[in-house]
Amino acid sequence: QRTLNAQYDCGQNIYGWDGDTLAYETRYSDNPGERRLIHYFYEPGSFIPLAQTVENRSLSLVREPSHENGYHIDRDPLWQHHPVAKPFNAMAWYQCDHLGTPMELTDQRGEIA
């Protein structure tokens, strides 16, 4: 994969879902300027998008556990992980029609993003 990234200047995108709605997408790249993490927010109980936040970083995933010596909670990365909230770089709001279809995406100044 690193060879393809270097040869074609491509990164890797990962998508995360919350049921049937897209919760986030992240782009991994060797170039820090191309890394993105976008979270999507919806009206409760619907598919109508409300907003998205953008961070200039990739999602940090918890490392995969090693069970070579059997399982123990003290060695489980999920129980040892202490995430810290990080600020986002931008926020945008969806302007939807009466059916909930996104028509525009606007930034904090109300301008089309």
PDB file of N, CA and C in Angstrom:
ATOM      1  N   GLN A   1       0.817  -1.187   0.000  1.00  0.00           N
ATOM      2  CA  GLN A   1       0.000   0.000   0.000  1.00  0.00           C
ATOM      3  C   GLN A   1       0.867   1.261   0.000  1.00  0.00           C
ATOM      4  N   ARG A   2       1.918   1.286   0.791  1.00  0.00           N
ATOM      5  CA  ARG A   2       2.790   2.467   0.796  1.00  0.00           C
ATOM      6  C   ARG A   2       3.386   2.713  -0.585  1.00  0.00           C
ATOM      7  N   THR A   3       3.696   1.632  -1.303  1.00  0.00           N
ATOM      8  CA  THR A   3       4.246   1.779  -2.646  1.00  0.00           C
ATOM      9  C   THR A   3       3.225   2.455  -3.555  1.00  0.00           C
ATOM     10  N   LEU A   4       1.969   2.025  -3.486  1.00  0.00           N
ATOM     11  CA  LEU A   4       0.922   2.645  -4.298  1.00  0.00           C
ATOM     12  C   LEU A   4       0.719   4.099  -3.903  1.00  0.00           C
ATOM     13  N   ASN A   5       0.735   4.371  -2.600  1.00  0.00           N
ATOM     14  CA  ASN A   5       0.581   5.758  -2.142  1.00  0.00           C
ATOM     15  C   ASN A   5       1.684   6.638  -2.706  1.00  0.00           C
ATOM     16  N   ALA A   6       2.915   6.150  -2.660  1.00  0.00           N
ATOM     17  CA  ALA A   6       4.050   6.937  -3.150  1.00  0.00           C
ATOM     18  C   ALA A   6       4.014   7.074  -4.670  1.00  0.00           C
ATOM     19  N   GLN A   7       3.690   5.973  -5.363  1.00  0.00           N
ATOM     20  CA  GLN A   7       3.714   5.979  -6.819  1.00  0.00           C
ATOM     21  C   GLN A   7       2.591   6.830  -7.411  1.00  0.00           C
ATOM     22  N   TYR A   8       1.384   6.712  -6.862  1.00  0.00           N
ATOM     23  CA  TYR A   8       0.227   7.389  -7.451  1.00  0.00           C
ATOM     24  C   TYR A   8      -0.286   8.559  -6.611  1.00  0.00           C
ATOM     25  N   ASP A   9       0.406   8.873  -5.508  1.00  0.00           N
ATOM     26  CA  ASP A   9       0.003   9.962  -4.627  1.00  0.00           C
ATOM     27  C   ASP A   9      -1.448   9.794  -4.181  1.00  0.00           C
ATOM     28  N   CYS A  10      -1.781   8.567  -3.803  1.00  0.00           N
ATOM     29  CA  CYS A  10      -3.136   8.306  -3.332  1.00  0.00           C
ATOM     30  C   CYS A  10      -3.094   7.978  -1.843  1.00  0.00           C
ATOM     31  N   GLY A  11      -4.169   8.219  -1.177  1.00  0.00           N
ATOM     32  CA  GLY A  11      -4.268   7.915   0.243  1.00  0.00           C
ATOM     33  C   GLY A  11      -5.285   6.811   0.444  1.00  0.00           C
ATOM     34  N   GLN A  12      -5.714   6.670   1.663  1.00  0.00           N
ATOM     35  CA  GLN A  12      -6.688   5.645   2.005  1.00  0.00           C
ATOM     36  C   GLN A  12      -7.843   6.321   2.719  1.00  0.00           C
ATOM     37  N   ASN A  13      -9.058   6.021   2.297  1.00  0.00           N
ATOM     38  CA  ASN A  13     -10.247   6.556   2.952  1.00  0.00           C
ATOM     39  C   ASN A  13     -10.919   5.449   3.740  1.00  0.00           C
ATOM     40  N   ILE A  14     -11.368   5.788   4.941  1.00  0.00           N
ATOM     41  CA  ILE A  14     -12.129   4.859   5.770  1.00  0.00           C
ATOM     42  C   ILE A  14     -13.441   5.543   6.110  1.00  0.00           C
ATOM     43  N   TYR A  15     -14.540   4.791   6.004  1.00  0.00           N
ATOM     44  CA  TYR A  15     -15.865   5.317   6.284  1.00  0.00           C
ATOM     45  C   TYR A  15     -16.430   4.601   7.496  1.00  0.00           C
ATOM     46  N   GLY A  16     -17.057   5.358   8.396  1.00  0.00           N
ATOM     47  CA  GLY A  16     -17.684   4.784   9.583  1.00  0.00           C
ATOM     48  C   GLY A  16     -19.179   5.068   9.563  1.00  0.00           C
ATOM     49  N   TRP A  17     -19.952   4.058   9.891  1.00  0.00           N
ATOM     50  CA  TRP A  17     -21.404   4.166   9.812  1.00  0.00           C
ATOM     51  C   TRP A  17     -22.029   4.028  11.190  1.00  0.00           C
ATOM     52  N   ASP A  18     -23.143   4.723  11.392  1.00  0.00           N
ATOM     53  CA  ASP A  18     -23.977   4.568  12.575  1.00  0.00           C
ATOM     54  C   ASP A  18     -25.313   4.061  12.068  1.00  0.00           C
ATOM     55  N   GLY A  19     -25.461   2.750  12.047  1.00  0.00           N
ATOM     56  CA  GLY A  19     -26.645   2.160  11.429  1.00  0.00           C
ATOM     57  C   GLY A  19     -26.590   2.403   9.936  1.00  0.00           C
ATOM     58  N   ASP A  20     -27.597   3.098   9.408  1.00  0.00           N
ATOM     59  CA  ASP A  20     -27.672   3.376   7.973  1.00  0.00           C
ATOM     60  C   ASP A  20     -27.172   4.766   7.594  1.00  0.00           C
ATOM     61  N   THR A  21     -26.653   5.517   8.550  1.00  0.00           N
ATOM     62  CA  THR A  21     -26.173   6.867   8.242  1.00  0.00           C
ATOM     63  C   THR A  21     -24.655   6.932   8.345  1.00  0.00           C
ATOM     64  N   LEU A  22     -24.067   7.695   7.448  1.00  0.00           N
ATOM     65  CA  LEU A  22     -22.619   7.895   7.449  1.00  0.00           C
ATOM     66  C   LEU A  22     -22.257   8.774   8.638  1.00  0.00           C
ATOM     67  N   ALA A  23     -21.436   8.258   9.545  1.00  0.00           N
ATOM     68  CA  ALA A  23     -21.058   9.000  10.751  1.00  0.00           C
ATOM     69  C   ALA A  23     -19.784   9.799  10.531  1.00  0.00           C
ATOM     70  N   TYR A  24     -18.818   9.196   9.829  1.00  0.00           N
ATOM     71  CA  TYR A  24     -17.558   9.904   9.590  1.00  0.00           C
ATOM     72  C   TYR A  24     -16.853   9.319   8.386  1.00  0.00           C
ATOM     73  N   GLU A  25     -15.934  10.100   7.850  1.00  0.00           N
ATOM     74  CA  GLU A  25     -14.991   9.605   6.849  1.00  0.00           C
ATOM     75  C   GLU A  25     -13.644  10.219   7.179  1.00  0.00           C
ATOM     76  N   THR A  26     -12.611   9.452   6.972  1.00  0.00           N
ATOM     77  CA  THR A  26     -11.274   9.952   7.247  1.00  0.00           C
ATOM     78  C   THR A  26     -10.363   9.576   6.096  1.00  0.00           C
ATOM     79  N   ARG A  27      -9.440  10.452   5.798  1.00  0.00           N
ATOM     80  CA  ARG A  27      -8.466  10.220   4.727  1.00  0.00           C
ATOM     81  C   ARG A  27      -7.087  10.159   5.344  1.00  0.00           C
ATOM     82  N   TYR A  28      -6.437   9.021   5.117  1.00  0.00           N
ATOM     83  CA  TYR A  28      -5.055   8.841   5.546  1.00  0.00           C
ATOM     84  C   TYR A  28      -4.152   9.151   4.365  1.00  0.00           C
ATOM     85  N   SER A  29      -3.074   9.849   4.617  1.00  0.00           N
ATOM     86  CA  SER A  29      -2.131  10.202   3.564  1.00  0.00           C
ATOM     87  C   SER A  29      -0.768  10.422   4.191  1.00  0.00           C
ATOM     88  N   ASP A  30       0.275  10.164   3.402  1.00  0.00           N
ATOM     89  CA  ASP A  30       1.631  10.456   3.868  1.00  0.00           C
ATOM     90  C   ASP A  30       1.876  11.957   3.922  1.00  0.00           C
ATOM     91  N   ASN A  31       1.073  12.716   3.193  1.00  0.00           N
ATOM     92  CA  ASN A  31       1.174  14.172   3.185  1.00  0.00           C
ATOM     93  C   ASN A  31       0.221  14.734   4.247  1.00  0.00           C
ATOM     94  N   PRO A  32       0.725  15.313   5.335  1.00  0.00           N
ATOM     95  CA  PRO A  32      -0.147  15.819   6.401  1.00  0.00           C
ATOM     96  C   PRO A  32      -1.194  16.820   5.923  1.00  0.00           C
ATOM     97  N   GLY A  33      -0.911  17.573   4.871  1.00  0.00           N
ATOM     98  CA  GLY A  33      -1.867  18.543   4.357  1.00  0.00           C
ATOM     99  C   GLY A  33      -3.083  17.920   3.701  1.00  0.00           C
ATOM    100  N   GLU A  34      -3.027  16.630   3.397  1.00  0.00           N
ATOM    101  CA  GLU A  34      -4.143  15.948   2.742  1.00  0.00           C
ATOM    102  C   GLU A  34      -4.979  15.123   3.713  1.00  0.00           C
ATOM    103  N   ARG A  35      -4.635  15.098   4.975  1.00  0.00           N
ATOM    104  CA  ARG A  35      -5.384  14.313   5.961  1.00  0.00           C
ATOM    105  C   ARG A  35      -6.663  15.051   6.336  1.00  0.00           C
ATOM    106  N   ARG A  36      -7.761  14.308   6.409  1.00  0.00           N
ATOM    107  CA  ARG A  36      -9.051  14.899   6.759  1.00  0.00           C
ATOM    108  C   ARG A  36      -9.847  13.919   7.624  1.00  0.00           C
ATOM    109  N   LEU A  37     -10.624  14.496   8.521  1.00  0.00           N
ATOM    110  CA  LEU A  37     -11.584  13.740   9.319  1.00  0.00           C
ATOM    111  C   LEU A  37     -12.872  14.546   9.316  1.00  0.00           C
ATOM    112  N   ILE A  38     -13.924  13.972   8.755  1.00  0.00           N
ATOM    113  CA  ILE A  38     -15.209  14.660   8.639  1.00  0.00           C
ATOM    114  C   ILE A  38     -16.260  13.859   9.395  1.00  0.00           C
ATOM    115  N   HIS A  39     -16.947  14.516  10.322  1.00  0.00           N
ATOM    116  CA  HIS A  39     -18.068  13.904  11.041  1.00  0.00           C
ATOM    117  C   HIS A  39     -19.370  14.494  10.508  1.00  0.00           C
ATOM    118  N   TYR A  40     -20.407  13.643  10.407  1.00  0.00           N
ATOM    119  CA  TYR A  40     -21.708  14.065   9.895  1.00  0.00           C
ATOM    120  C   TYR A  40     -22.749  13.975  11.009  1.00  0.00           C
ATOM    121  N   PHE A  41     -23.647  14.962  11.053  1.00  0.00           N
ATOM    122  CA  PHE A  41     -24.696  15.015  12.066  1.00  0.00           C
ATOM    123  C   PHE A  41     -26.047  15.096  11.372  1.00  0.00           C
ATOM    124  N   TYR A  42     -27.041  14.383  11.934  1.00  0.00           N
ATOM    125  CA  TYR A  42     -28.361  14.268  11.318  1.00  0.00           C
ATOM    126  C   TYR A  42     -29.446  14.676  12.307  1.00  0.00           C
ATOM    127  N   GLU A  43     -30.632  15.014  11.762  1.00  0.00           N
ATOM    128  CA  GLU A  43     -31.787  15.227  12.621  1.00  0.00           C
ATOM    129  C   GLU A  43     -32.052  13.912  13.345  1.00  0.00           C
ATOM    130  N   PRO A  44     -32.419  13.963  14.629  1.00  0.00           N
ATOM    131  CA  PRO A  44     -32.629  12.724  15.388  1.00  0.00           C
ATOM    132  C   PRO A  44     -33.628  11.792  14.716  1.00  0.00           C
ATOM    133  N   GLY A  45     -33.248  10.525  14.599  1.00  0.00           N
ATOM    134  CA  GLY A  45     -34.124   9.503  14.043  1.00  0.00           C
ATOM    135  C   GLY A  45     -34.415   9.648  12.567  1.00  0.00           C
ATOM    136  N   SER A  46     -33.563  10.356  11.825  1.00  0.00           N
ATOM    137  CA  SER A  46     -33.830  10.557  10.399  1.00  0.00           C
ATOM    138  C   SER A  46     -32.537  10.460   9.594  1.00  0.00           C
ATOM    139  N   PHE A  47     -32.702  10.596   8.291  1.00  0.00           N
ATOM    140  CA  PHE A  47     -31.562  10.612   7.379  1.00  0.00           C
ATOM    141  C   PHE A  47     -31.264  12.032   6.892  1.00  0.00           C
ATOM    142  N   ILE A  48     -31.906  13.022   7.480  1.00  0.00           N
ATOM    143  CA  ILE A  48     -31.742  14.407   7.042  1.00  0.00           C
ATOM    144  C   ILE A  48     -30.478  14.985   7.673  1.00  0.00           C
ATOM    145  N   PRO A  49     -29.499  15.353   6.843  1.00  0.00           N
ATOM    146  CA  PRO A  49     -28.249  15.880   7.399  1.00  0.00           C
ATOM    147  C   PRO A  49     -28.426  17.299   7.931  1.00  0.00           C
ATOM    148  N   LEU A  50     -27.752  17.577   9.053  1.00  0.00           N
ATOM    149  CA  LEU A  50     -27.786  18.916   9.648  1.00  0.00           C
ATOM    150  C   LEU A  50     -26.477  19.656   9.450  1.00  0.00           C
ATOM    151  N   ALA A  51     -25.366  18.981   9.789  1.00  0.00           N
ATOM    152  CA  ALA A  51     -24.071  19.667   9.790  1.00  0.00           C
ATOM    153  C   ALA A  51     -22.945  18.669   9.596  1.00  0.00           C
ATOM    154  N   GLN A  52     -21.769  19.219   9.361  1.00  0.00           N
ATOM    155  CA  GLN A  52     -20.552  18.414   9.317  1.00  0.00           C
ATOM    156  C   GLN A  52     -19.414  19.225   9.920  1.00  0.00           C
ATOM    157  N   THR A  53     -18.505  18.518  10.569  1.00  0.00           N
ATOM    158  CA  THR A  53     -17.299  19.157  11.092  1.00  0.00           C
ATOM    159  C   THR A  53     -16.105  18.582  10.354  1.00  0.00           C
ATOM    160  N   VAL A  54     -15.079  19.408  10.165  1.00  0.00           N
ATOM    161  CA  VAL A  54     -13.879  18.999   9.441  1.00  0.00           C
ATOM    162  C   VAL A  54     -12.668  19.241  10.332  1.00  0.00           C
ATOM    163  N   GLU A  55     -11.814  18.225  10.410  1.00  0.00           N
ATOM    164  CA  GLU A  55     -10.550  18.349  11.130  1.00  0.00           C
ATOM    165  C   GLU A  55      -9.424  18.020  10.165  1.00  0.00           C
ATOM    166  N   ASN A  56      -8.323  18.723  10.278  1.00  0.00           N
ATOM    167  CA  ASN A  56      -7.164  18.487   9.412  1.00  0.00           C
ATOM    168  C   ASN A  56      -6.239  17.447  10.030  1.00  0.00           C
ATOM    169  N   ARG A  57      -6.786  16.271  10.219  1.00  0.00           N
ATOM    170  CA  ARG A  57      -6.035  15.140  10.756  1.00  0.00           C
ATOM    171  C   ARG A  57      -6.769  13.872  10.359  1.00  0.00           C
ATOM    172  N   SER A  58      -6.130  12.743  10.541  1.00  0.00           N
ATOM    173  CA  SER A  58      -6.762  11.455  10.301  1.00  0.00           C
ATOM    174  C   SER A  58      -7.277  10.905  11.619  1.00  0.00           C
ATOM    175  N   LEU A  59      -8.209   9.995  11.525  1.00  0.00           N
ATOM    176  CA  LEU A  59      -8.754   9.335  12.700  1.00  0.00           C
ATOM    177  C   LEU A  59      -7.688   8.457  13.337  1.00  0.00           C
ATOM    178  N   SER A  60      -7.562   8.538  14.633  1.00  0.00           N
ATOM    179  CA  SER A  60      -6.623   7.678  15.359  1.00  0.00           C
ATOM    180  C   SER A  60      -7.381   6.446  15.832  1.00  0.00           C
ATOM    181  N   LEU A  61      -6.977   5.297  15.344  1.00  0.00           N
ATOM    182  CA  LEU A  61      -7.629   4.052  15.721  1.00  0.00           C
ATOM    183  C   LEU A  61      -6.889   3.395  16.880  1.00  0.00           C
ATOM    184  N   VAL A  62      -7.627   2.653  17.684  1.00  0.00           N
ATOM    185  CA  VAL A  62      -7.037   1.914  18.797  1.00  0.00           C
ATOM    186  C   VAL A  62      -6.300   0.715  18.215  1.00  0.00           C
ATOM    187  N   ARG A  63      -5.115   0.444  18.747  1.00  0.00           N
ATOM    188  CA  ARG A  63      -4.317  -0.667  18.218  1.00  0.00           C
ATOM    189  C   ARG A  63      -5.028  -2.001  18.442  1.00  0.00           C
ATOM    190  N   GLU A  64      -4.696  -2.962  17.603  1.00  0.00           N
ATOM    191  CA  GLU A  64      -5.276  -4.294  17.700  1.00  0.00           C
ATOM    192  C   GLU A  64      -4.634  -5.039  18.863  1.00  0.00           C
ATOM    193  N   PRO A  65      -5.442  -5.714  19.684  1.00  0.00           N
ATOM    194  CA  PRO A  65      -4.867  -6.411  20.838  1.00  0.00           C
ATOM    195  C   PRO A  65      -4.110  -7.665  20.428  1.00  0.00           C
ATOM    196  N   SER A  66      -3.165  -8.031  21.254  1.00  0.00           N
ATOM    197  CA  SER A  66      -2.434  -9.282  21.076  1.00  0.00           C
ATOM    198  C   SER A  66      -2.911 -10.241  22.155  1.00  0.00           C
ATOM    199  N   HIS A  67      -3.336 -11.412  21.741  1.00  0.00           N
ATOM    200  CA  HIS A  67      -3.835 -12.401  22.701  1.00  0.00           C
ATOM    201  C   HIS A  67      -2.876 -13.578  22.827  1.00  0.00           C
ATOM    202  N   GLU A  68      -1.591 -13.321  22.584  1.00  0.00           N
ATOM    203  CA  GLU A  68      -0.600 -14.394  22.665  1.00  0.00           C
ATOM    204  C   GLU A  68      -0.531 -15.002  24.059  1.00  0.00           C
ATOM    205  N   ASN A  69      -0.681 -14.181  25.083  1.00  0.00           N
ATOM    206  CA  ASN A  69      -0.614 -14.670  26.464  1.00  0.00           C
ATOM    207  C   ASN A  69      -1.995 -14.762  27.094  1.00  0.00           C
ATOM    208  N   GLY A  70      -3.023 -14.930  26.281  1.00  0.00           N
ATOM    209  CA  GLY A  70      -4.381 -14.968  26.798  1.00  0.00           C
ATOM    210  C   GLY A  70      -4.907 -13.560  27.013  1.00  0.00           C
ATOM    211  N   TYR A  71      -6.179 -13.498  27.289  1.00  0.00           N
ATOM    212  CA  TYR A  71      -6.804 -12.187  27.471  1.00  0.00           C
ATOM    213  C   TYR A  71      -6.700 -11.741  28.919  1.00  0.00           C
ATOM    214  N   HIS A  72      -6.422 -10.463  29.090  1.00  0.00           N
ATOM    215  CA  HIS A  72      -6.494  -9.834  30.402  1.00  0.00           C
ATOM    216  C   HIS A  72      -6.916  -8.384  30.187  1.00  0.00           C
ATOM    217  N   ILE A  73      -7.866  -7.931  30.967  1.00  0.00           N
ATOM    218  CA  ILE A  73      -8.419  -6.588  30.786  1.00  0.00           C
ATOM    219  C   ILE A  73      -7.357  -5.498  30.891  1.00  0.00           C
ATOM    220  N   ASP A  74      -6.319  -5.727  31.687  1.00  0.00           N
ATOM    221  CA  ASP A  74      -5.261  -4.720  31.834  1.00  0.00           C
ATOM    222  C   ASP A  74      -4.414  -4.561  30.572  1.00  0.00           C
ATOM    223  N   ARG A  75      -4.488  -5.537  29.657  1.00  0.00           N
ATOM    224  CA  ARG A  75      -3.737  -5.447  28.401  1.00  0.00           C
ATOM    225  C   ARG A  75      -4.645  -5.110  27.217  1.00  0.00           C
ATOM    226  N   ASP A  76      -5.921  -4.972  27.465  1.00  0.00           N
ATOM    227  CA  ASP A  76      -6.884  -4.698  26.400  1.00  0.00           C
ATOM    228  C   ASP A  76      -6.828  -3.215  26.029  1.00  0.00           C
ATOM    229  N   PRO A  77      -6.455  -2.892  24.775  1.00  0.00           N
ATOM    230  CA  PRO A  77      -6.328  -1.489  24.375  1.00  0.00           C
ATOM    231  C   PRO A  77      -7.629  -0.696  24.493  1.00  0.00           C
ATOM    232  N   LEU A  78      -8.772  -1.351  24.347  1.00  0.00           N
ATOM    233  CA  LEU A  78     -10.035  -0.625  24.464  1.00  0.00           C
ATOM    234  C   LEU A  78     -10.280  -0.133  25.886  1.00  0.00           C
ATOM    235  N   TRP A  79      -9.813  -0.882  26.866  1.00  0.00           N
ATOM    236  CA  TRP A  79      -9.988  -0.471  28.255  1.00  0.00           C
ATOM    237  C   TRP A  79      -8.887   0.482  28.707  1.00  0.00           C
ATOM    238  N   GLN A  80      -7.789   0.531  27.974  1.00  0.00           N
ATOM    239  CA  GLN A  80      -6.676   1.408  28.347  1.00  0.00           C
ATOM    240  C   GLN A  80      -6.682   2.723  27.572  1.00  0.00           C
ATOM    241  N   HIS A  81      -7.571   2.826  26.606  1.00  0.00           N
ATOM    242  CA  HIS A  81      -7.635   4.010  25.739  1.00  0.00           C
ATOM    243  C   HIS A  81      -8.364   5.147  26.453  1.00  0.00           C
ATOM    244  N   HIS A  82      -7.771   6.332  26.477  1.00  0.00           N
ATOM    245  CA  HIS A  82      -8.380   7.509  27.101  1.00  0.00           C
ATOM    246  C   HIS A  82      -8.394   8.644  26.073  1.00  0.00           C
ATOM    247  N   PRO A  83      -9.456   8.681  25.241  1.00  0.00           N
ATOM    248  CA  PRO A  83      -9.487   9.693  24.180  1.00  0.00           C
ATOM    249  C   PRO A  83      -9.597  11.112  24.734  1.00  0.00           C
ATOM    250  N   VAL A  84      -9.024  12.029  23.997  1.00  0.00           N
ATOM    251  CA  VAL A  84      -9.071  13.450  24.341  1.00  0.00           C
ATOM    252  C   VAL A  84      -9.769  14.181  23.194  1.00  0.00           C
ATOM    253  N   ALA A  85     -10.778  14.961  23.524  1.00  0.00           N
ATOM    254  CA  ALA A  85     -11.496  15.718  22.492  1.00  0.00           C
ATOM    255  C   ALA A  85     -10.569  16.751  21.866  1.00  0.00           C
ATOM    256  N   LYS A  86     -10.607  16.816  20.537  1.00  0.00           N
ATOM    257  CA  LYS A  86      -9.774  17.771  19.809  1.00  0.00           C
ATOM    258  C   LYS A  86     -10.682  18.746  19.067  1.00  0.00           C
ATOM    259  N   PRO A  87     -10.285  20.008  18.964  1.00  0.00           N
ATOM    260  CA  PRO A  87     -11.128  20.981  18.263  1.00  0.00           C
ATOM    261  C   PRO A  87     -11.149  20.711  16.757  1.00  0.00           C
ATOM    262  N   PHE A  88     -12.243  21.088  16.124  1.00  0.00           N
ATOM    263  CA  PHE A  88     -12.317  20.937  14.675  1.00  0.00           C
ATOM    264  C   PHE A  88     -11.912  22.238  14.004  1.00  0.00           C
ATOM    265  N   ASN A  89     -11.531  22.122  12.733  1.00  0.00           N
ATOM    266  CA  ASN A  89     -11.042  23.278  11.983  1.00  0.00           C
ATOM    267  C   ASN A  89     -12.155  24.068  11.306  1.00  0.00           C
ATOM    268  N   ALA A  90     -13.250  23.393  10.977  1.00  0.00           N
ATOM    269  CA  ALA A  90     -14.358  24.070  10.299  1.00  0.00           C
ATOM    270  C   ALA A  90     -15.656  23.328  10.575  1.00  0.00           C
ATOM    271  N   MET A  91     -16.756  24.061  10.472  1.00  0.00           N
ATOM    272  CA  MET A  91     -18.083  23.465  10.599  1.00  0.00           C
ATOM    273  C   MET A  91     -18.945  24.034   9.493  1.00  0.00           C
ATOM    274  N   ALA A  92     -19.788  23.191   8.924  1.00  0.00           N
ATOM    275  CA  ALA A  92     -20.677  23.623   7.846  1.00  0.00           C
ATOM    276  C   ALA A  92     -22.069  23.053   8.103  1.00  0.00           C
ATOM    277  N   TRP A  93     -23.089  23.764   7.619  1.00  0.00           N
ATOM    278  CA  TRP A  93     -24.468  23.367   7.830  1.00  0.00           C
ATOM    279  C   TRP A  93     -25.120  23.047   6.488  1.00  0.00           C
ATOM    280  N   TYR A  94     -25.948  21.996   6.504  1.00  0.00           N
ATOM    281  CA  TYR A  94     -26.709  21.622   5.312  1.00  0.00           C
ATOM    282  C   TYR A  94     -27.983  22.451   5.258  1.00  0.00           C
ATOM    283  N   GLN A  95     -28.295  22.960   4.078  1.00  0.00           N
ATOM    284  CA  GLN A  95     -29.553  23.651   3.819  1.00  0.00           C
ATOM    285  C   GLN A  95     -30.381  22.684   2.982  1.00  0.00           C
ATOM    286  N   CYS A  96     -31.441  22.142   3.584  1.00  0.00           N
ATOM    287  CA  CYS A  96     -32.233  21.094   2.935  1.00  0.00           C
ATOM    288  C   CYS A  96     -33.592  21.633   2.497  1.00  0.00           C
ATOM    289  N   ASP A  97     -34.168  20.983   1.492  1.00  0.00           N
ATOM    290  CA  ASP A  97     -35.503  21.367   1.048  1.00  0.00           C
ATOM    291  C   ASP A  97     -36.548  20.727   1.968  1.00  0.00           C
ATOM    292  N   HIS A  98     -37.832  20.872   1.610  1.00  0.00           N
ATOM    293  CA  HIS A  98     -38.920  20.379   2.454  1.00  0.00           C
ATOM    294  C   HIS A  98     -38.941  18.853   2.565  1.00  0.00           C
ATOM    295  N   LEU A  99     -38.256  18.163   1.675  1.00  0.00           N
ATOM    296  CA  LEU A  99     -38.178  16.705   1.733  1.00  0.00           C
ATOM    297  C   LEU A  99     -36.961  16.219   2.518  1.00  0.00           C
ATOM    298  N   GLY A 100     -36.082  17.147   2.880  1.00  0.00           N
ATOM    299  CA  GLY A 100     -34.865  16.769   3.597  1.00  0.00           C
ATOM    300  C   GLY A 100     -33.680  16.528   2.689  1.00  0.00           C
ATOM    301  N   THR A 101     -33.825  16.863   1.416  1.00  0.00           N
ATOM    302  CA  THR A 101     -32.734  16.698   0.461  1.00  0.00           C
ATOM    303  C   THR A 101     -31.755  17.859   0.593  1.00  0.00           C
ATOM    304  N   PRO A 102     -30.475  17.583   0.792  1.00  0.00           N
ATOM    305  CA  PRO A 102     -29.504  18.682   0.896  1.00  0.00           C
ATOM    306  C   PRO A 102     -29.427  19.462  -0.412  1.00  0.00           C
ATOM    307  N   MET A 103     -29.538  20.783  -0.304  1.00  0.00           N
ATOM    308  CA  MET A 103     -29.464  21.650  -1.475  1.00  0.00           C
ATOM    309  C   MET A 103     -28.166  22.448  -1.500  1.00  0.00           C
ATOM    310  N   GLU A 104     -27.692  22.856  -0.312  1.00  0.00           N
ATOM    311  CA  GLU A 104     -26.458  23.637  -0.196  1.00  0.00           C
ATOM    312  C   GLU A 104     -25.757  23.261   1.099  1.00  0.00           C
ATOM    313  N   LEU A 105     -24.485  23.587   1.133  1.00  0.00           N
ATOM    314  CA  LEU A 105     -23.684  23.447   2.342  1.00  0.00           C
ATOM    315  C   LEU A 105     -23.102  24.823   2.620  1.00  0.00           C
ATOM    316  N   THR A 106     -23.388  25.389   3.803  1.00  0.00           N
ATOM    317  CA  THR A 106     -22.928  26.740   4.112  1.00  0.00           C
ATOM    318  C   THR A 106     -21.951  26.726   5.284  1.00  0.00           C
ATOM    319  N   ASP A 107     -21.045  27.691   5.267  1.00  0.00           N
ATOM    320  CA  ASP A 107     -20.044  27.793   6.332  1.00  0.00           C
ATOM    321  C   ASP A 107     -20.558  28.680   7.463  1.00  0.00           C
ATOM    322  N   GLN A 108     -19.695  28.998   8.421  1.00  0.00           N
ATOM    323  CA  GLN A 108     -20.107  29.780   9.592  1.00  0.00           C
ATOM    324  C   GLN A 108     -20.510  31.212   9.243  1.00  0.00           C
ATOM    325  N   ARG A 109     -20.138  31.695   8.063  1.00  0.00           N
ATOM    326  CA  ARG A 109     -20.533  33.035   7.628  1.00  0.00           C
ATOM    327  C   ARG A 109     -21.810  33.009   6.785  1.00  0.00           C
ATOM    328  N   GLY A 110     -22.349  31.825   6.553  1.00  0.00           N
ATOM    329  CA  GLY A 110     -23.546  31.694   5.737  1.00  0.00           C
ATOM    330  C   GLY A 110     -23.260  31.632   4.255  1.00  0.00           C
ATOM    331  N   GLU A 111     -21.993  31.567   3.886  1.00  0.00           N
ATOM    332  CA  GLU A 111     -21.608  31.482   2.477  1.00  0.00           C
ATOM    333  C   GLU A 111     -21.543  30.017   2.046  1.00  0.00           C
ATOM    334  N   ILE A 112     -21.775  29.788   0.769  1.00  0.00           N
ATOM    335  CA  ILE A 112     -21.729  28.419   0.255  1.00  0.00           C
ATOM    336  C   ILE A 112     -20.315  27.879   0.395  1.00  0.00           C
ATOM    337  N   ALA A 113     -20.237  26.718   1.013  1.00  0.00           N
ATOM    338  CA  ALA A 113     -18.923  26.111   1.283  1.00  0.00           C
ATOM    339  C   ALA A 113     -18.399  25.395   0.059  1.00  0.00           C
TER     340      ALA A 113
END
